[in-house]
């Protein structure tokens, strides 16, 4: 009887612990995903900004060139 009770307690402990681990990993995954999204957005924004600056520079250069 005591062994059955201890096994039952052990099963409950494993069940509770596994639920905690799953919940914690889902929370961490959401945080990691959001951070990755922010990093990707910053990276793409920087690339687009640099391209726009380059196009503006070339445009200004063409506009100031009198031989065209």
PDB file of N, CA and C in Angstrom:
ATOM      1  N   UNK A   1       0.825  -1.186   0.000  1.00  0.00           N
ATOM      2  CA  UNK A   1       0.000   0.000   0.000  1.00  0.00           C
ATOM      3  C   UNK A   1       0.874   1.258   0.000  1.00  0.00           C
ATOM      4  N   UNK A   2       1.924   1.258   0.793  1.00  0.00           N
ATOM      5  CA  UNK A   2       2.822   2.405   0.867  1.00  0.00           C
ATOM      6  C   UNK A   2       3.537   2.616  -0.467  1.00  0.00           C
ATOM      7  N   UNK A   3       3.938   1.529  -1.088  1.00  0.00           N
ATOM      8  CA  UNK A   3       4.633   1.629  -2.377  1.00  0.00           C
ATOM      9  C   UNK A   3       3.700   2.218  -3.433  1.00  0.00           C
ATOM     10  N   UNK A   4       2.449   1.795  -3.434  1.00  0.00           N
ATOM     11  CA  UNK A   4       1.476   2.330  -4.391  1.00  0.00           C
ATOM     12  C   UNK A   4       1.280   3.829  -4.160  1.00  0.00           C
ATOM     13  N   UNK A   5       1.221   4.237  -2.922  1.00  0.00           N
ATOM     14  CA  UNK A   5       1.055   5.653  -2.596  1.00  0.00           C
ATOM     15  C   UNK A   5       2.272   6.456  -3.059  1.00  0.00           C
ATOM     16  N   UNK A   6       3.463   5.935  -2.828  1.00  0.00           N
ATOM     17  CA  UNK A   6       4.679   6.626  -3.256  1.00  0.00           C
ATOM     18  C   UNK A   6       4.751   6.721  -4.784  1.00  0.00           C
ATOM     19  N   UNK A   7       4.341   5.658  -5.455  1.00  0.00           N
ATOM     20  CA  UNK A   7       4.314   5.687  -6.923  1.00  0.00           C
ATOM     21  C   UNK A   7       3.318   6.741  -7.407  1.00  0.00           C
ATOM     22  N   UNK A   8       2.166   6.808  -6.757  1.00  0.00           N
ATOM     23  CA  UNK A   8       1.154   7.802  -7.114  1.00  0.00           C
ATOM     24  C   UNK A   8       1.700   9.221  -6.917  1.00  0.00           C
ATOM     25  N   UNK A   9       2.367   9.469  -5.800  1.00  0.00           N
ATOM     26  CA  UNK A   9       2.970  10.785  -5.534  1.00  0.00           C
ATOM     27  C   UNK A   9       4.034  11.097  -6.584  1.00  0.00           C
ATOM     28  N   UNK A  10       4.835  10.087  -6.924  1.00  0.00           N
ATOM     29  CA  UNK A  10       5.877  10.259  -7.932  1.00  0.00           C
ATOM     30  C   UNK A  10       5.261  10.630  -9.287  1.00  0.00           C
ATOM     31  N   UNK A  11       4.186   9.969  -9.676  1.00  0.00           N
ATOM     32  CA  UNK A  11       3.507  10.267 -10.938  1.00  0.00           C
ATOM     33  C   UNK A  11       2.969  11.697 -10.922  1.00  0.00           C
ATOM     34  N   UNK A  12       2.371  12.112  -9.825  1.00  0.00           N
ATOM     35  CA  UNK A  12       1.874  13.484  -9.719  1.00  0.00           C
ATOM     36  C   UNK A  12       3.014  14.500  -9.834  1.00  0.00           C
ATOM     37  N   UNK A  13       4.120  14.214  -9.169  1.00  0.00           N
ATOM     38  CA  UNK A  13       5.265  15.132  -9.214  1.00  0.00           C
ATOM     39  C   UNK A  13       5.794  15.259 -10.640  1.00  0.00           C
ATOM     40  N   UNK A  14       5.906  14.150 -11.336  1.00  0.00           N
ATOM     41  CA  UNK A  14       6.385  14.180 -12.721  1.00  0.00           C
ATOM     42  C   UNK A  14       5.406  14.945 -13.600  1.00  0.00           C
ATOM     43  N   UNK A  15       4.126  14.719 -13.392  1.00  0.00           N
ATOM     44  CA  UNK A  15       3.104  15.409 -14.173  1.00  0.00           C
ATOM     45  C   UNK A  15       3.172  16.921 -13.957  1.00  0.00           C
ATOM     46  N   UNK A  16       3.284  17.348 -12.740  1.00  0.00           N
ATOM     47  CA  UNK A  16       3.357  18.780 -12.425  1.00  0.00           C
ATOM     48  C   UNK A  16       4.642  19.378 -12.989  1.00  0.00           C
ATOM     49  N   UNK A  17       5.755  18.680 -12.802  1.00  0.00           N
ATOM     50  CA  UNK A  17       7.038  19.178 -13.292  1.00  0.00           C
ATOM     51  C   UNK A  17       7.046  19.278 -14.814  1.00  0.00           C
ATOM     52  N   UNK A  18       6.494  18.284 -15.500  1.00  0.00           N
ATOM     53  CA  UNK A  18       6.478  18.326 -16.964  1.00  0.00           C
ATOM     54  C   UNK A  18       5.606  19.478 -17.456  1.00  0.00           C
ATOM     55  N   UNK A  19       4.507  19.741 -16.775  1.00  0.00           N
ATOM     56  CA  UNK A  19       3.672  20.885 -17.141  1.00  0.00           C
ATOM     57  C   UNK A  19       4.421  22.194 -16.990  1.00  0.00           C
ATOM     58  N   UNK A  20       5.197  22.306 -15.919  1.00  0.00           N
ATOM     59  CA  UNK A  20       5.996  23.512 -15.692  1.00  0.00           C
ATOM     60  C   UNK A  20       7.046  23.672 -16.790  1.00  0.00           C
ATOM     61  N   UNK A  21       7.705  22.581 -17.146  1.00  0.00           N
ATOM     62  CA  UNK A  21       8.746  22.636 -18.174  1.00  0.00           C
ATOM     63  C   UNK A  21       8.144  23.043 -19.518  1.00  0.00           C
ATOM     64  N   UNK A  22       7.003  22.481 -19.856  1.00  0.00           N
ATOM     65  CA  UNK A  22       6.349  22.820 -21.124  1.00  0.00           C
ATOM     66  C   UNK A  22       5.958  24.290 -21.140  1.00  0.00           C
ATOM     67  N   UNK A  23       5.366  24.762 -20.073  1.00  0.00           N
ATOM     68  CA  UNK A  23       4.941  26.163 -19.993  1.00  0.00           C
ATOM     69  C   UNK A  23       6.147  27.096 -20.074  1.00  0.00           C
ATOM     70  N   UNK A  24       7.211  26.746 -19.384  1.00  0.00           N
ATOM     71  CA  UNK A  24       8.413  27.572 -19.384  1.00  0.00           C
ATOM     72  C   UNK A  24       9.051  27.613 -20.774  1.00  0.00           C
ATOM     73  N   UNK A  25       9.098  26.474 -21.442  1.00  0.00           N
ATOM     74  CA  UNK A  25       9.705  26.443 -22.772  1.00  0.00           C
ATOM     75  C   UNK A  25       8.869  27.221 -23.777  1.00  0.00           C
ATOM     76  N   UNK A  26       7.547  27.180 -23.652  1.00  0.00           N
ATOM     77  CA  UNK A  26       6.697  27.965 -24.547  1.00  0.00           C
ATOM     78  C   UNK A  26       6.922  29.459 -24.325  1.00  0.00           C
ATOM     79  N   UNK A  27       7.042  29.860 -23.074  1.00  0.00           N
ATOM     80  CA  UNK A  27       7.292  31.271 -22.760  1.00  0.00           C
ATOM     81  C   UNK A  27       8.640  31.700 -23.331  1.00  0.00           C
ATOM     82  N   UNK A  28       9.664  30.866 -23.141  1.00  0.00           N
ATOM     83  CA  UNK A  28      10.989  31.186 -23.664  1.00  0.00           C
ATOM     84  C   UNK A  28      10.965  31.251 -25.185  1.00  0.00           C
ATOM     85  N   UNK A  29      10.219  30.341 -25.823  1.00  0.00           N
ATOM     86  CA  UNK A  29      10.150  30.332 -27.278  1.00  0.00           C
ATOM     87  C   UNK A  29       9.516  31.624 -27.781  1.00  0.00           C
ATOM     88  N   UNK A  30       8.471  32.091 -27.116  1.00  0.00           N
ATOM     89  CA  UNK A  30       7.814  33.334 -27.522  1.00  0.00           C
ATOM     90  C   UNK A  30       8.789  34.505 -27.391  1.00  0.00           C
ATOM     91  N   UNK A  31       9.530  34.556 -26.292  1.00  0.00           N
ATOM     92  CA  UNK A  31      10.504  35.636 -26.091  1.00  0.00           C
ATOM     93  C   UNK A  31      11.602  35.586 -27.149  1.00  0.00           C
ATOM     94  N   UNK A  32      12.101  34.397 -27.436  1.00  0.00           N
ATOM     95  CA  UNK A  32      13.151  34.238 -28.445  1.00  0.00           C
ATOM     96  C   UNK A  32      12.619  34.637 -29.816  1.00  0.00           C
ATOM     97  N   UNK A  33      11.409  34.221 -30.123  1.00  0.00           N
ATOM     98  CA  UNK A  33      10.801  34.539 -31.411  1.00  0.00           C
ATOM     99  C   UNK A  33      10.615  36.044 -31.571  1.00  0.00           C
ATOM    100  N   UNK A  34      10.136  36.711 -30.532  1.00  0.00           N
ATOM    101  CA  UNK A  34       9.947  38.163 -30.596  1.00  0.00           C
ATOM    102  C   UNK A  34      11.285  38.876 -30.763  1.00  0.00           C
ATOM    103  N   UNK A  35      12.297  38.426 -30.054  1.00  0.00           N
ATOM    104  CA  UNK A  35      13.624  39.034 -30.162  1.00  0.00           C
ATOM    105  C   UNK A  35      14.174  38.844 -31.573  1.00  0.00           C
ATOM    106  N   UNK A  36      13.989  37.655 -32.125  1.00  0.00           N
ATOM    107  CA  UNK A  36      14.461  37.376 -33.479  1.00  0.00           C
ATOM    108  C   UNK A  36      13.726  38.257 -34.488  1.00  0.00           C
ATOM    109  N   UNK A  37      12.417  38.429 -34.299  1.00  0.00           N
ATOM    110  CA  UNK A  37      11.645  39.302 -35.186  1.00  0.00           C
ATOM    111  C   UNK A  37      12.160  40.735 -35.123  1.00  0.00           C
ATOM    112  N   UNK A  38      12.447  41.217 -33.920  1.00  0.00           N
ATOM    113  CA  UNK A  38      12.969  42.578 -33.761  1.00  0.00           C
ATOM    114  C   UNK A  38      14.329  42.722 -34.440  1.00  0.00           C
ATOM    115  N   UNK A  39      15.188  41.720 -34.262  1.00  0.00           N
ATOM    116  CA  UNK A  39      16.511  41.764 -34.884  1.00  0.00           C
ATOM    117  C   UNK A  39      16.399  41.754 -36.408  1.00  0.00           C
ATOM    118  N   UNK A  40      15.508  40.908 -36.938  1.00  0.00           N
ATOM    119  CA  UNK A  40      15.319  40.847 -38.389  1.00  0.00           C
ATOM    120  C   UNK A  40      14.778  42.163 -38.931  1.00  0.00           C
ATOM    121  N   UNK A  41      13.835  42.766 -38.229  1.00  0.00           N
ATOM    122  CA  UNK A  41      13.269  44.044 -38.656  1.00  0.00           C
ATOM    123  C   UNK A  41      14.341  45.129 -38.667  1.00  0.00           C
ATOM    124  N   UNK A  42      15.175  45.166 -37.638  1.00  0.00           N
ATOM    125  CA  UNK A  42      16.251  46.159 -37.581  1.00  0.00           C
ATOM    126  C   UNK A  42      17.243  45.937 -38.722  1.00  0.00           C
ATOM    127  N   UNK A  43      17.590  44.685 -38.985  1.00  0.00           N
ATOM    128  CA  UNK A  43      18.538  44.353 -40.048  1.00  0.00           C
ATOM    129  C   UNK A  43      17.995  44.799 -41.406  1.00  0.00           C
ATOM    130  N   UNK A  44      16.748  44.458 -41.692  1.00  0.00           N
ATOM    131  CA  UNK A  44      16.143  44.823 -42.971  1.00  0.00           C
ATOM    132  C   UNK A  44      15.990  46.335 -43.082  1.00  0.00           C
ATOM    133  N   UNK A  45      15.593  46.984 -42.004  1.00  0.00           N
ATOM    134  CA  UNK A  45      15.449  48.444 -42.019  1.00  0.00           C
ATOM    135  C   UNK A  45      16.786  49.120 -42.309  1.00  0.00           C
ATOM    136  N   UNK A  46      17.858  48.611 -41.723  1.00  0.00           N
ATOM    137  CA  UNK A  46      19.185  49.179 -41.974  1.00  0.00           C
ATOM    138  C   UNK A  46      19.590  49.009 -43.436  1.00  0.00           C
ATOM    139  N   UNK A  47      19.321  47.845 -43.997  1.00  0.00           N
ATOM    140  CA  UNK A  47      19.657  47.604 -45.404  1.00  0.00           C
ATOM    141  C   UNK A  47      18.870  48.552 -46.303  1.00  0.00           C
ATOM    142  N   UNK A  48      17.575  48.678 -46.047  1.00  0.00           N
ATOM    143  CA  UNK A  48      16.740  49.564 -46.865  1.00  0.00           C
ATOM    144  C   UNK A  48      17.200  51.012 -46.724  1.00  0.00           C
ATOM    145  N   UNK A  49      17.511  51.438 -45.503  1.00  0.00           N
ATOM    146  CA  UNK A  49      17.981  52.808 -45.285  1.00  0.00           C
ATOM    147  C   UNK A  49      19.273  53.067 -46.058  1.00  0.00           C
ATOM    148  N   UNK A  50      20.208  52.121 -46.025  1.00  0.00           N
ATOM    149  CA  UNK A  50      21.473  52.285 -46.748  1.00  0.00           C
ATOM    150  C   UNK A  50      21.237  52.354 -48.257  1.00  0.00           C
ATOM    151  N   UNK A  51      20.336  51.524 -48.758  1.00  0.00           N
ATOM    152  CA  UNK A  51      20.037  51.549 -50.187  1.00  0.00           C
ATOM    153  C   UNK A  51      19.405  52.876 -50.594  1.00  0.00           C
ATOM    154  N   UNK A  52      18.502  53.382 -49.772  1.00  0.00           N
ATOM    155  CA  UNK A  52      17.870  54.678 -50.062  1.00  0.00           C
ATOM    156  C   UNK A  52      18.913  55.789 -50.053  1.00  0.00           C
ATOM    157  N   UNK A  53      19.827  55.760 -49.097  1.00  0.00           N
ATOM    158  CA  UNK A  53      20.894  56.764 -49.049  1.00  0.00           C
ATOM    159  C   UNK A  53      21.762  56.690 -50.299  1.00  0.00           C
ATOM    160  N   UNK A  54      22.065  55.472 -50.734  1.00  0.00           N
ATOM    161  CA  UNK A  54      22.888  55.304 -51.927  1.00  0.00           C
ATOM    162  C   UNK A  54      22.159  55.813 -53.175  1.00  0.00           C
ATOM    163  N   UNK A  55      20.886  55.494 -53.294  1.00  0.00           N
ATOM    164  CA  UNK A  55      20.096  55.976 -54.433  1.00  0.00           C
ATOM    165  C   UNK A  55      20.012  57.499 -54.411  1.00  0.00           C
ATOM    166  N   UNK A  56      19.802  58.073 -53.242  1.00  0.00           N
ATOM    167  CA  UNK A  56      19.754  59.539 -53.137  1.00  0.00           C
ATOM    168  C   UNK A  56      21.094  60.168 -53.513  1.00  0.00           C
ATOM    169  N   UNK A  57      22.189  59.549 -53.095  1.00  0.00           N
ATOM    170  CA  UNK A  57      23.518  60.056 -53.436  1.00  0.00           C
ATOM    171  C   UNK A  57      23.731  60.026 -54.948  1.00  0.00           C
ATOM    172  N   UNK A  58      23.389  58.904 -55.560  1.00  0.00           N
ATOM    173  CA  UNK A  58      23.553  58.775 -57.010  1.00  0.00           C
ATOM    174  C   UNK A  58      22.639  59.760 -57.735  1.00  0.00           C
ATOM    175  N   UNK A  59      21.427  59.905 -57.246  1.00  0.00           N
ATOM    176  CA  UNK A  59      20.485  60.855 -57.849  1.00  0.00           C
ATOM    177  C   UNK A  59      21.016  62.282 -57.764  1.00  0.00           C
ATOM    178  N   UNK A  60      21.532  62.663 -56.612  1.00  0.00           N
ATOM    179  CA  UNK A  60      22.109  64.003 -56.455  1.00  0.00           C
ATOM    180  C   UNK A  60      23.317  64.193 -57.370  1.00  0.00           C
ATOM    181  N   UNK A  61      24.103  63.150 -57.502  1.00  0.00           N
ATOM    182  CA  UNK A  61      25.279  63.219 -58.364  1.00  0.00           C
ATOM    183  C   UNK A  61      24.858  63.405 -59.820  1.00  0.00           C
ATOM    184  N   UNK A  62      23.834  62.681 -60.243  1.00  0.00           N
ATOM    185  CA  UNK A  62      23.340  62.814 -61.616  1.00  0.00           C
ATOM    186  C   UNK A  62      22.734  64.198 -61.829  1.00  0.00           C
ATOM    187  N   UNK A  63      21.989  64.681 -60.847  1.00  0.00           N
ATOM    188  CA  UNK A  63      21.373  66.009 -60.975  1.00  0.00           C
ATOM    189  C   UNK A  63      22.408  67.125 -61.057  1.00  0.00           C
ATOM    190  N   UNK A  64      23.512  66.963 -60.386  1.00  0.00           N
ATOM    191  CA  UNK A  64      24.532  68.018 -60.384  1.00  0.00           C
ATOM    192  C   UNK A  64      25.488  67.912 -61.570  1.00  0.00           C
ATOM    193  N   UNK A  65      25.434  66.814 -62.282  1.00  0.00           N
ATOM    194  CA  UNK A  65      26.319  66.635 -63.436  1.00  0.00           C
ATOM    195  C   UNK A  65      25.727  67.387 -64.632  1.00  0.00           C
ATOM    196  N   UNK A  66      26.452  68.357 -65.140  1.00  0.00           N
ATOM    197  CA  UNK A  66      25.933  69.179 -66.242  1.00  0.00           C
ATOM    198  C   UNK A  66      26.128  68.543 -67.605  1.00  0.00           C
ATOM    199  N   UNK A  67      26.892  67.494 -67.694  1.00  0.00           N
ATOM    200  CA  UNK A  67      27.136  66.866 -68.993  1.00  0.00           C
ATOM    201  C   UNK A  67      26.015  65.909 -69.397  1.00  0.00           C
ATOM    202  N   UNK A  68      25.087  65.662 -68.505  1.00  0.00           N
ATOM    203  CA  UNK A  68      24.009  64.718 -68.826  1.00  0.00           C
ATOM    204  C   UNK A  68      22.916  65.413 -69.581  1.00  0.00           C
TER     205      UNK A  68
END
